[in-house]
Amino acid sequence: MGKIYSGLTSWLRNSNHNSMMLKQQTRIGRPEDVGTVTVSYFGSSAFRLTTPQGLTVMVDPWRNHPSRTWDWYFKDMPLTSVDIGVSTHAHFDHDALDRLDANVLLDRPIGRYSFLDLSIEGIADKHATDASAALYDFKLIHKRFNGVNIEPPDNPRSWDNVLVVIETGGLRLLHWGDNRHDPPDYIWEMIGDIDIVLLPVDDSQHVMGFEMIDSIIDQLKPKVVIPHHYYVMDVTQRQSTLLPATKWLQTKSRVVHLSSADAQFSKLSLPDETTIHHFGEHVAFDAEEWRSRPEED
């Protein structure tokens, strides 16, 4: 007999999608209807977005590497209930869809999904591979120890990336995942106008260098930039080699240091100029209780 507990574990859940059946009957709301959107940070690159109509979307839940030879986190992300789960790419710190009790799972979606006041568009591109600003050359490491060339266009699957554009509450939010900073011109055209962008930023410049990050901001000209993929002491282990985003933040003149793991945004109250909203050490779960509980939920 095969390993029945391998892969997604949705079939083990006692929950169901009755709530989605009720919501689809109402047919209430459109993505362009102006309202308040809540963005909640779960550490690493994981965010839960709550639409004005109450739909919840989690992008990029995380886990430790399956080999368990170099854990990034004290343990896998706590099991979290959401309506919709999305993964931008097939790396362990972004693809833990099994950590979600979700009604809908979108793994590296390319194309458009819509439901009530929510629209999600996935734009296919490539993971960042320019390690010139990083603490170590991860491209060289993959080549030497795995015999794999991660450079596009013939990279293996895990070095693809999907840019995720979410429309709700009259806002356009972009989760960058770990995409390269210099996609082709047609990708920028597909992205279009963005109000809020979630970008991977840390002082080790693990995914991209500071100049690369700033070039994305200059291109998009968003009203709000939210950093992610940085070191959070209560969640991330030091062997991840990640660092906080402190040095990068010090180069910015407009920074809001958020006081909790939840922030609300509305089209009517966006700042006039690009402003960084930084969640810092705040995460939307009890990290102390999470670290002390048994490994399996």
C-alpha atoms as a PDB file:
ATOM      1  CA  MET A   1       0.000   0.000   0.000  1.00  0.00           C
ATOM      2  CA  GLY A   2       1.205   3.522  -0.730  1.00  0.00           C
ATOM      3  CA  LYS A   3       1.848   6.245   1.813  1.00  0.00           C
ATOM      4  CA  ILE A   4      -1.698   7.426   2.483  1.00  0.00           C
ATOM      5  CA  TYR A   5      -0.544  10.407   4.554  1.00  0.00           C
ATOM      6  CA  SER A   6       1.664  11.905   1.842  1.00  0.00           C
ATOM      7  CA  GLY A   7       0.621  15.019  -0.081  1.00  0.00           C
ATOM      8  CA  LEU A   8      -2.266  17.316   0.799  1.00  0.00           C
ATOM      9  CA  THR A   9      -4.282  16.290   3.842  1.00  0.00           C
ATOM     10  CA  SER A  10      -7.602  18.010   3.080  1.00  0.00           C
ATOM     11  CA  TRP A  11      -9.339  14.641   3.082  1.00  0.00           C
ATOM     12  CA  LEU A  12      -8.543  14.302   6.794  1.00  0.00           C
ATOM     13  CA  ARG A  13     -10.306  17.544   7.795  1.00  0.00           C
ATOM     14  CA  ASN A  14     -13.699  17.548   9.496  1.00  0.00           C
ATOM     15  CA  SER A  15     -14.444  20.979   8.048  1.00  0.00           C
ATOM     16  CA  ASN A  16     -16.352  21.588   4.803  1.00  0.00           C
ATOM     17  CA  HIS A  17     -17.140  24.327   2.293  1.00  0.00           C
ATOM     18  CA  ASN A  18     -20.706  25.019   3.461  1.00  0.00           C
ATOM     19  CA  SER A  19     -19.769  28.661   4.118  1.00  0.00           C
ATOM     20  CA  MET A  20     -18.736  29.069   0.487  1.00  0.00           C
ATOM     21  CA  MET A  21     -22.046  27.560  -0.646  1.00  0.00           C
ATOM     22  CA  LEU A  22     -23.879  30.209   1.357  1.00  0.00           C
ATOM     23  CA  LYS A  23     -21.685  32.998   0.025  1.00  0.00           C
ATOM     24  CA  GLN A  24     -22.114  31.974  -3.594  1.00  0.00           C
ATOM     25  CA  GLN A  25     -25.893  32.250  -3.194  1.00  0.00           C
ATOM     26  CA  THR A  26     -25.646  35.921  -2.235  1.00  0.00           C
ATOM     27  CA  ARG A  27     -23.548  36.976  -5.244  1.00  0.00           C
ATOM     28  CA  ILE A  28     -22.741  40.097  -3.247  1.00  0.00           C
ATOM     29  CA  GLY A  29     -19.830  42.342  -4.094  1.00  0.00           C
ATOM     30  CA  ARG A  30     -17.445  43.056  -6.930  1.00  0.00           C
ATOM     31  CA  PRO A  31     -13.656  43.500  -6.720  1.00  0.00           C
ATOM     32  CA  GLU A  32     -13.968  47.153  -7.789  1.00  0.00           C
ATOM     33  CA  ASP A  33     -16.395  48.044  -4.980  1.00  0.00           C
ATOM     34  CA  VAL A  34     -14.505  50.318  -2.582  1.00  0.00           C
ATOM     35  CA  GLY A  35     -14.175  48.976   0.938  1.00  0.00           C
ATOM     36  CA  THR A  36     -11.721  48.139   3.716  1.00  0.00           C
ATOM     37  CA  VAL A  37      -9.194  45.356   3.158  1.00  0.00           C
ATOM     38  CA  THR A  38      -7.346  43.809   6.089  1.00  0.00           C
ATOM     39  CA  VAL A  39      -3.791  42.532   5.580  1.00  0.00           C
ATOM     40  CA  SER A  40      -2.476  40.200   8.299  1.00  0.00           C
ATOM     41  CA  TYR A  41       1.155  39.054   8.512  1.00  0.00           C
ATOM     42  CA  PHE A  42       2.041  35.464   9.428  1.00  0.00           C
ATOM     43  CA  GLY A  43       5.815  35.748   9.119  1.00  0.00           C
ATOM     44  CA  SER A  44       8.101  34.750   6.252  1.00  0.00           C
ATOM     45  CA  SER A  45       6.128  35.632   3.071  1.00  0.00           C
ATOM     46  CA  ALA A  46       2.700  34.592   4.359  1.00  0.00           C
ATOM     47  CA  PHE A  47      -0.160  37.084   4.364  1.00  0.00           C
ATOM     48  CA  ARG A  48      -3.870  36.665   4.960  1.00  0.00           C
ATOM     49  CA  LEU A  49      -6.052  39.187   3.145  1.00  0.00           C
ATOM     50  CA  THR A  50      -9.651  39.733   4.217  1.00  0.00           C
ATOM     51  CA  THR A  51     -11.970  41.304   1.653  1.00  0.00           C
ATOM     52  CA  PRO A  52     -14.749  43.782   2.528  1.00  0.00           C
ATOM     53  CA  GLN A  53     -17.253  40.891   2.176  1.00  0.00           C
ATOM     54  CA  GLY A  54     -15.218  38.744   4.581  1.00  0.00           C
ATOM     55  CA  LEU A  55     -13.488  36.338   2.181  1.00  0.00           C
ATOM     56  CA  THR A  56     -10.041  35.299   3.412  1.00  0.00           C
ATOM     57  CA  VAL A  57      -7.031  34.579   1.194  1.00  0.00           C
ATOM     58  CA  MET A  58      -3.671  33.264   2.421  1.00  0.00           C
ATOM     59  CA  VAL A  59      -0.694  33.694   0.106  1.00  0.00           C
ATOM     60  CA  ASP A  60       2.535  31.727   0.585  1.00  0.00           C
ATOM     61  CA  PRO A  61       2.149  29.669   3.774  1.00  0.00           C
ATOM     62  CA  TRP A  62       5.477  28.199   4.902  1.00  0.00           C
ATOM     63  CA  ARG A  63       7.014  25.016   6.274  1.00  0.00           C
ATOM     64  CA  ASN A  64      10.478  23.657   6.932  1.00  0.00           C
ATOM     65  CA  HIS A  65      12.383  21.953   4.141  1.00  0.00           C
ATOM     66  CA  PRO A  66      11.118  18.344   3.863  1.00  0.00           C
ATOM     67  CA  SER A  67      14.665  16.983   4.308  1.00  0.00           C
ATOM     68  CA  ARG A  68      14.698  18.513   7.836  1.00  0.00           C
ATOM     69  CA  THR A  69      18.451  19.034   7.468  1.00  0.00           C
ATOM     70  CA  TRP A  70      18.319  22.851   7.654  1.00  0.00           C
ATOM     71  CA  ASP A  71      15.176  24.075   9.388  1.00  0.00           C
ATOM     72  CA  TRP A  72      14.345  27.739   8.838  1.00  0.00           C
ATOM     73  CA  TYR A  73      11.509  27.830  11.368  1.00  0.00           C
ATOM     74  CA  PHE A  74      10.995  26.492  14.872  1.00  0.00           C
ATOM     75  CA  LYS A  75       8.346  24.282  13.280  1.00  0.00           C
ATOM     76  CA  ASP A  76       5.927  24.331  10.357  1.00  0.00           C
ATOM     77  CA  MET A  77       3.401  27.159  10.149  1.00  0.00           C
ATOM     78  CA  PRO A  78       0.390  26.619  12.417  1.00  0.00           C
ATOM     79  CA  LEU A  79      -2.632  25.141  10.690  1.00  0.00           C
ATOM     80  CA  THR A  80      -4.767  28.097   9.583  1.00  0.00           C
ATOM     81  CA  SER A  81      -8.346  28.201   8.280  1.00  0.00           C
ATOM     82  CA  VAL A  82      -8.985  30.410   5.226  1.00  0.00           C
ATOM     83  CA  ASP A  83     -11.334  30.436   2.282  1.00  0.00           C
ATOM     84  CA  ILE A  84      -8.611  30.455  -0.369  1.00  0.00           C
ATOM     85  CA  GLY A  85      -4.935  29.464  -0.313  1.00  0.00           C
ATOM     86  CA  VAL A  86      -2.377  30.581  -2.907  1.00  0.00           C
ATOM     87  CA  SER A  87       1.280  29.664  -3.499  1.00  0.00           C
ATOM     88  CA  THR A  88       3.567  31.763  -5.712  1.00  0.00           C
ATOM     89  CA  HIS A  89       6.224  29.079  -6.256  1.00  0.00           C
ATOM     90  CA  ALA A  90       7.422  25.621  -5.270  1.00  0.00           C
ATOM     91  CA  HIS A  91       9.873  26.483  -2.486  1.00  0.00           C
ATOM     92  CA  PHE A  92       9.265  25.230   1.054  1.00  0.00           C
ATOM     93  CA  ASP A  93       9.006  28.756   2.494  1.00  0.00           C
ATOM     94  CA  HIS A  94       6.132  29.549   0.107  1.00  0.00           C
ATOM     95  CA  ASP A  95       4.264  26.341  -0.803  1.00  0.00           C
ATOM     96  CA  ALA A  96       2.867  24.852   2.432  1.00  0.00           C
ATOM     97  CA  LEU A  97      -0.715  24.631   1.205  1.00  0.00           C
ATOM     98  CA  ASP A  98      -1.143  21.594   3.450  1.00  0.00           C
ATOM     99  CA  ARG A  99      -0.890  23.988   6.443  1.00  0.00           C
ATOM    100  CA  LEU A 100      -4.186  25.553   5.360  1.00  0.00           C
ATOM    101  CA  ASP A 101      -7.674  24.283   6.062  1.00  0.00           C
ATOM    102  CA  ALA A 102      -8.936  25.958   2.883  1.00  0.00           C
ATOM    103  CA  ASN A 103     -11.973  25.695   0.638  1.00  0.00           C
ATOM    104  CA  VAL A 104      -9.974  26.564  -2.487  1.00  0.00           C
ATOM    105  CA  LEU A 105      -6.270  25.974  -3.225  1.00  0.00           C
ATOM    106  CA  LEU A 106      -4.470  27.764  -6.054  1.00  0.00           C
ATOM    107  CA  ASP A 107      -0.974  26.364  -6.478  1.00  0.00           C
ATOM    108  CA  ARG A 108       1.086  28.623  -8.752  1.00  0.00           C
ATOM    109  CA  PRO A 109      -2.038  29.864 -10.584  1.00  0.00           C
ATOM    110  CA  ILE A 110      -1.594  31.263 -14.084  1.00  0.00           C
ATOM    111  CA  GLY A 111      -4.679  33.091 -15.273  1.00  0.00           C
ATOM    112  CA  ARG A 112      -7.665  34.490 -13.409  1.00  0.00           C
ATOM    113  CA  TYR A 113      -9.857  33.263 -10.550  1.00  0.00           C
ATOM    114  CA  SER A 114     -12.786  35.292  -9.235  1.00  0.00           C
ATOM    115  CA  PHE A 115     -15.392  34.890  -6.529  1.00  0.00           C
ATOM    116  CA  LEU A 116     -17.748  37.607  -5.236  1.00  0.00           C
ATOM    117  CA  ASP A 117     -15.657  40.687  -4.311  1.00  0.00           C
ATOM    118  CA  LEU A 118     -12.325  39.020  -5.054  1.00  0.00           C
ATOM    119  CA  SER A 119     -10.250  38.534  -8.187  1.00  0.00           C
ATOM    120  CA  ILE A 120      -6.871  36.784  -8.305  1.00  0.00           C
ATOM    121  CA  GLU A 121      -4.648  36.878 -11.381  1.00  0.00           C
ATOM    122  CA  GLY A 122      -1.454  34.865 -11.658  1.00  0.00           C
ATOM    123  CA  ILE A 123       1.242  36.090 -14.051  1.00  0.00           C
ATOM    124  CA  ALA A 124       3.896  33.526 -14.956  1.00  0.00           C
ATOM    125  CA  ASP A 125       7.510  34.638 -14.689  1.00  0.00           C
ATOM    126  CA  LYS A 126      10.770  33.513 -13.054  1.00  0.00           C
ATOM    127  CA  HIS A 127      12.322  33.398  -9.576  1.00  0.00           C
ATOM    128  CA  ALA A 128      15.173  35.769  -8.784  1.00  0.00           C
ATOM    129  CA  THR A 129      18.590  34.200  -9.484  1.00  0.00           C
ATOM    130  CA  ASP A 130      20.930  37.199  -9.292  1.00  0.00           C
ATOM    131  CA  ALA A 131      22.795  36.569  -6.021  1.00  0.00           C
ATOM    132  CA  SER A 132      25.343  39.353  -6.540  1.00  0.00           C
ATOM    133  CA  ALA A 133      24.139  41.243  -3.449  1.00  0.00           C
ATOM    134  CA  ALA A 134      23.462  38.213  -1.219  1.00  0.00           C
ATOM    135  CA  LEU A 135      25.594  36.899   1.648  1.00  0.00           C
ATOM    136  CA  TYR A 136      26.334  33.767  -0.371  1.00  0.00           C
ATOM    137  CA  ASP A 137      25.989  32.716  -4.013  1.00  0.00           C
ATOM    138  CA  PHE A 138      23.001  30.355  -3.895  1.00  0.00           C
ATOM    139  CA  LYS A 139      23.231  29.886  -7.675  1.00  0.00           C
ATOM    140  CA  LEU A 140      26.769  28.499  -7.308  1.00  0.00           C
ATOM    141  CA  ILE A 141      25.688  26.259  -4.418  1.00  0.00           C
ATOM    142  CA  HIS A 142      22.913  24.671  -6.477  1.00  0.00           C
ATOM    143  CA  LYS A 143      25.297  24.154  -9.385  1.00  0.00           C
ATOM    144  CA  ARG A 144      28.097  22.621  -7.315  1.00  0.00           C
ATOM    145  CA  PHE A 145      26.140  20.390  -4.932  1.00  0.00           C
ATOM    146  CA  ASN A 146      23.026  19.577  -6.971  1.00  0.00           C
ATOM    147  CA  GLY A 147      24.400  19.847 -10.491  1.00  0.00           C
ATOM    148  CA  VAL A 148      21.471  22.115 -11.358  1.00  0.00           C
ATOM    149  CA  ASN A 149      21.548  25.358 -13.312  1.00  0.00           C
ATOM    150  CA  ILE A 150      18.751  27.518 -11.898  1.00  0.00           C
ATOM    151  CA  GLU A 151      19.046  30.254 -14.542  1.00  0.00           C
ATOM    152  CA  PRO A 152      16.010  30.794 -16.794  1.00  0.00           C
ATOM    153  CA  PRO A 153      14.663  29.881 -19.228  1.00  0.00           C
ATOM    154  CA  ASP A 154      15.500  26.197 -18.679  1.00  0.00           C
ATOM    155  CA  ASN A 155      15.465  26.275 -14.860  1.00  0.00           C
ATOM    156  CA  PRO A 156      13.778  23.473 -12.912  1.00  0.00           C
ATOM    157  CA  ARG A 157      10.180  23.999 -11.747  1.00  0.00           C
ATOM    158  CA  SER A 158      11.044  25.387  -8.309  1.00  0.00           C
ATOM    159  CA  TRP A 159      12.734  28.384  -9.949  1.00  0.00           C
ATOM    160  CA  ASP A 160       9.572  29.464 -11.704  1.00  0.00           C
ATOM    161  CA  ASN A 161       7.477  32.113  -9.949  1.00  0.00           C
ATOM    162  CA  VAL A 162       3.952  33.467 -10.310  1.00  0.00           C
ATOM    163  CA  LEU A 163       3.253  37.117  -9.581  1.00  0.00           C
ATOM    164  CA  VAL A 164      -0.111  37.234  -7.782  1.00  0.00           C
ATOM    165  CA  VAL A 165      -2.325  40.280  -8.347  1.00  0.00           C
ATOM    166  CA  ILE A 166      -5.290  40.462  -5.985  1.00  0.00           C
ATOM    167  CA  GLU A 167      -8.161  42.875  -6.603  1.00  0.00           C
ATOM    168  CA  THR A 168     -10.648  43.598  -3.839  1.00  0.00           C
ATOM    169  CA  GLY A 169     -12.128  46.624  -2.104  1.00  0.00           C
ATOM    170  CA  GLY A 170     -11.242  48.745  -5.120  1.00  0.00           C
ATOM    171  CA  LEU A 171      -7.542  48.030  -4.452  1.00  0.00           C
ATOM    172  CA  ARG A 172      -4.947  46.203  -6.529  1.00  0.00           C
ATOM    173  CA  LEU A 173      -2.439  44.334  -4.391  1.00  0.00           C
ATOM    174  CA  LEU A 174       0.611  42.508  -5.757  1.00  0.00           C
ATOM    175  CA  HIS A 175       2.368  39.662  -3.939  1.00  0.00           C
ATOM    176  CA  TRP A 176       5.770  39.546  -5.609  1.00  0.00           C
ATOM    177  CA  GLY A 177       6.735  36.137  -4.227  1.00  0.00           C
ATOM    178  CA  ASP A 178      10.450  35.780  -5.027  1.00  0.00           C
ATOM    179  CA  ASN A 179      10.202  37.006  -8.601  1.00  0.00           C
ATOM    180  CA  ARG A 180      13.180  38.484 -10.423  1.00  0.00           C
ATOM    181  CA  HIS A 181      13.419  42.266 -10.367  1.00  0.00           C
ATOM    182  CA  ASP A 182      13.709  42.689 -14.147  1.00  0.00           C
ATOM    183  CA  PRO A 183      10.939  40.739 -15.892  1.00  0.00           C
ATOM    184  CA  PRO A 184      10.258  41.440 -19.591  1.00  0.00           C
ATOM    185  CA  ASP A 185       8.338  44.585 -20.522  1.00  0.00           C
ATOM    186  CA  TYR A 186       5.151  42.671 -21.289  1.00  0.00           C
ATOM    187  CA  ILE A 187       5.078  41.400 -17.682  1.00  0.00           C
ATOM    188  CA  TRP A 188       5.061  44.960 -16.366  1.00  0.00           C
ATOM    189  CA  GLU A 189       2.211  45.731 -18.756  1.00  0.00           C
ATOM    190  CA  MET A 190       0.245  42.742 -17.469  1.00  0.00           C
ATOM    191  CA  ILE A 191       0.814  43.833 -13.858  1.00  0.00           C
ATOM    192  CA  GLY A 192      -0.610  47.288 -14.535  1.00  0.00           C
ATOM    193  CA  ASP A 193      -1.339  49.803 -11.780  1.00  0.00           C
ATOM    194  CA  ILE A 194      -0.692  48.586  -8.247  1.00  0.00           C
ATOM    195  CA  ASP A 195      -1.780  50.228  -4.983  1.00  0.00           C
ATOM    196  CA  ILE A 196      -0.017  47.895  -2.528  1.00  0.00           C
ATOM    197  CA  VAL A 197       2.991  45.682  -3.252  1.00  0.00           C
ATOM    198  CA  LEU A 198       4.376  42.965  -0.950  1.00  0.00           C
ATOM    199  CA  LEU A 199       8.132  42.683  -1.579  1.00  0.00           C
ATOM    200  CA  PRO A 200      10.820  40.309  -0.211  1.00  0.00           C
ATOM    201  CA  VAL A 201      13.268  42.498   1.736  1.00  0.00           C
ATOM    202  CA  ASP A 202      15.910  41.596   4.304  1.00  0.00           C
ATOM    203  CA  ASP A 203      19.333  42.948   5.161  1.00  0.00           C
ATOM    204  CA  SER A 204      21.090  39.778   3.981  1.00  0.00           C
ATOM    205  CA  GLN A 205      19.619  40.633   0.553  1.00  0.00           C
ATOM    206  CA  HIS A 206      18.731  36.960   0.282  1.00  0.00           C
ATOM    207  CA  VAL A 207      16.272  37.216  -2.620  1.00  0.00           C
ATOM    208  CA  MET A 208      17.262  40.565  -4.125  1.00  0.00           C
ATOM    209  CA  GLY A 209      19.667  43.414  -3.475  1.00  0.00           C
ATOM    210  CA  PHE A 210      18.419  46.748  -2.205  1.00  0.00           C
ATOM    211  CA  GLU A 211      18.895  48.414  -5.604  1.00  0.00           C
ATOM    212  CA  MET A 212      16.819  45.679  -7.237  1.00  0.00           C
ATOM    213  CA  ILE A 213      14.006  46.174  -4.724  1.00  0.00           C
ATOM    214  CA  ASP A 214      14.077  49.926  -5.209  1.00  0.00           C
ATOM    215  CA  SER A 215      13.948  49.499  -8.987  1.00  0.00           C
ATOM    216  CA  ILE A 216      10.680  47.560  -8.619  1.00  0.00           C
ATOM    217  CA  ILE A 217       9.233  50.313  -6.451  1.00  0.00           C
ATOM    218  CA  ASP A 218      10.336  52.945  -8.957  1.00  0.00           C
ATOM    219  CA  GLN A 219       8.669  50.982 -11.753  1.00  0.00           C
ATOM    220  CA  LEU A 220       5.368  50.307  -9.958  1.00  0.00           C
ATOM    221  CA  LYS A 221       5.058  53.548  -7.976  1.00  0.00           C
ATOM    222  CA  PRO A 222       2.688  51.959  -5.446  1.00  0.00           C
ATOM    223  CA  LYS A 223       1.139  53.878  -2.589  1.00  0.00           C
ATOM    224  CA  VAL A 224       2.126  51.222  -0.019  1.00  0.00           C
ATOM    225  CA  VAL A 225       5.089  48.818   0.138  1.00  0.00           C
ATOM    226  CA  ILE A 226       5.003  45.967   2.672  1.00  0.00           C
ATOM    227  CA  PRO A 227       8.280  44.060   3.252  1.00  0.00           C
ATOM    228  CA  HIS A 228       8.315  40.305   3.907  1.00  0.00           C
ATOM    229  CA  HIS A 229      10.770  37.365   3.810  1.00  0.00           C
ATOM    230  CA  TYR A 230      12.839  38.770   6.683  1.00  0.00           C
ATOM    231  CA  TYR A 231      13.968  37.383  10.036  1.00  0.00           C
ATOM    232  CA  VAL A 232      11.361  37.302  12.819  1.00  0.00           C
ATOM    233  CA  MET A 233      12.943  36.241  16.100  1.00  0.00           C
ATOM    234  CA  ASP A 234       9.952  34.326  17.476  1.00  0.00           C
ATOM    235  CA  VAL A 235       9.397  32.431  14.203  1.00  0.00           C
ATOM    236  CA  THR A 236      12.611  32.166  12.174  1.00  0.00           C
ATOM    237  CA  GLN A 237      15.769  30.332  13.163  1.00  0.00           C
ATOM    238  CA  ARG A 238      19.184  31.928  12.738  1.00  0.00           C
ATOM    239  CA  GLN A 239      20.384  29.144  10.414  1.00  0.00           C
ATOM    240  CA  SER A 240      17.992  30.529   7.800  1.00  0.00           C
ATOM    241  CA  THR A 241      20.690  33.255   7.341  1.00  0.00           C
ATOM    242  CA  LEU A 242      17.863  35.802   6.994  1.00  0.00           C
ATOM    243  CA  LEU A 243      18.166  39.170   8.716  1.00  0.00           C
ATOM    244  CA  PRO A 244      15.657  41.874   9.668  1.00  0.00           C
ATOM    245  CA  ALA A 245      14.977  44.648   7.154  1.00  0.00           C
ATOM    246  CA  THR A 246      16.399  47.377   9.415  1.00  0.00           C
ATOM    247  CA  LYS A 247      19.168  48.740   7.157  1.00  0.00           C
ATOM    248  CA  TRP A 248      16.879  48.949   4.138  1.00  0.00           C
ATOM    249  CA  LEU A 249      14.200  50.705   6.158  1.00  0.00           C
ATOM    250  CA  GLN A 250      16.752  53.279   7.318  1.00  0.00           C
ATOM    251  CA  THR A 251      17.191  54.355   3.697  1.00  0.00           C
ATOM    252  CA  LYS A 252      13.496  55.276   3.467  1.00  0.00           C
ATOM    253  CA  SER A 253      11.965  58.572   4.569  1.00  0.00           C
ATOM    254  CA  ARG A 254       8.342  57.427   4.766  1.00  0.00           C
ATOM    255  CA  VAL A 255       7.988  54.397   7.062  1.00  0.00           C
ATOM    256  CA  VAL A 256       5.038  53.325   9.206  1.00  0.00           C
ATOM    257  CA  HIS A 257       6.010  50.845  11.921  1.00  0.00           C
ATOM    258  CA  LEU A 258       2.789  48.933  12.494  1.00  0.00           C
ATOM    259  CA  SER A 259       1.730  48.146  16.056  1.00  0.00           C
ATOM    260  CA  SER A 260       0.129  44.771  15.350  1.00  0.00           C
ATOM    261  CA  ALA A 261       0.023  41.975  12.765  1.00  0.00           C
ATOM    262  CA  ASP A 262      -3.137  43.410  11.184  1.00  0.00           C
ATOM    263  CA  ALA A 263      -3.392  46.515   9.012  1.00  0.00           C
ATOM    264  CA  GLN A 264      -6.416  47.951   7.250  1.00  0.00           C
ATOM    265  CA  PHE A 265      -6.305  49.701   3.892  1.00  0.00           C
ATOM    266  CA  SER A 266      -8.864  51.554   1.821  1.00  0.00           C
ATOM    267  CA  LYS A 267      -8.649  53.217  -1.569  1.00  0.00           C
ATOM    268  CA  LEU A 268      -9.949  56.388   0.069  1.00  0.00           C
ATOM    269  CA  SER A 269      -7.181  56.549   2.705  1.00  0.00           C
ATOM    270  CA  LEU A 270      -4.037  55.523   0.835  1.00  0.00           C
ATOM    271  CA  PRO A 271      -1.036  57.832   1.319  1.00  0.00           C
ATOM    272  CA  ASP A 272      -0.266  60.407  -1.358  1.00  0.00           C
ATOM    273  CA  GLU A 273       3.325  59.171  -1.740  1.00  0.00           C
ATOM    274  CA  THR A 274       4.897  55.726  -1.559  1.00  0.00           C
ATOM    275  CA  THR A 275       5.068  54.695   2.099  1.00  0.00           C
ATOM    276  CA  ILE A 276       6.579  51.591   3.695  1.00  0.00           C
ATOM    277  CA  HIS A 277       4.298  49.743   6.118  1.00  0.00           C
ATOM    278  CA  HIS A 278       6.417  47.413   8.240  1.00  0.00           C
ATOM    279  CA  PHE A 279       4.939  44.650  10.400  1.00  0.00           C
ATOM    280  CA  GLY A 280       8.259  44.095  12.182  1.00  0.00           C
ATOM    281  CA  GLU A 281       8.123  41.235  14.693  1.00  0.00           C
ATOM    282  CA  HIS A 282       4.323  41.064  14.749  1.00  0.00           C
ATOM    283  CA  VAL A 283       2.676  37.864  13.494  1.00  0.00           C
ATOM    284  CA  ALA A 284      -1.022  36.966  13.457  1.00  0.00           C
ATOM    285  CA  PHE A 285      -0.758  33.937  15.742  1.00  0.00           C
ATOM    286  CA  ASP A 286       0.501  33.200  19.243  1.00  0.00           C
ATOM    287  CA  ALA A 287       4.144  32.377  18.467  1.00  0.00           C
ATOM    288  CA  GLU A 288       4.984  31.312  22.023  1.00  0.00           C
ATOM    289  CA  GLU A 289       2.081  28.844  22.174  1.00  0.00           C
ATOM    290  CA  TRP A 290       2.944  27.610  18.662  1.00  0.00           C
ATOM    291  CA  ARG A 291       6.547  26.872  19.589  1.00  0.00           C
ATOM    292  CA  SER A 292       5.531  24.916  22.682  1.00  0.00           C
ATOM    293  CA  ARG A 293       2.851  22.702  21.115  1.00  0.00           C
ATOM    294  CA  PRO A 294       3.567  19.219  19.654  1.00  0.00           C
ATOM    295  CA  GLU A 295       4.929  19.215  16.089  1.00  0.00           C
ATOM    296  CA  GLU A 296       1.754  17.848  14.477  1.00  0.00           C
ATOM    297  CA  ASP A 297      -1.584  19.672  14.757  1.00  0.00           C
END
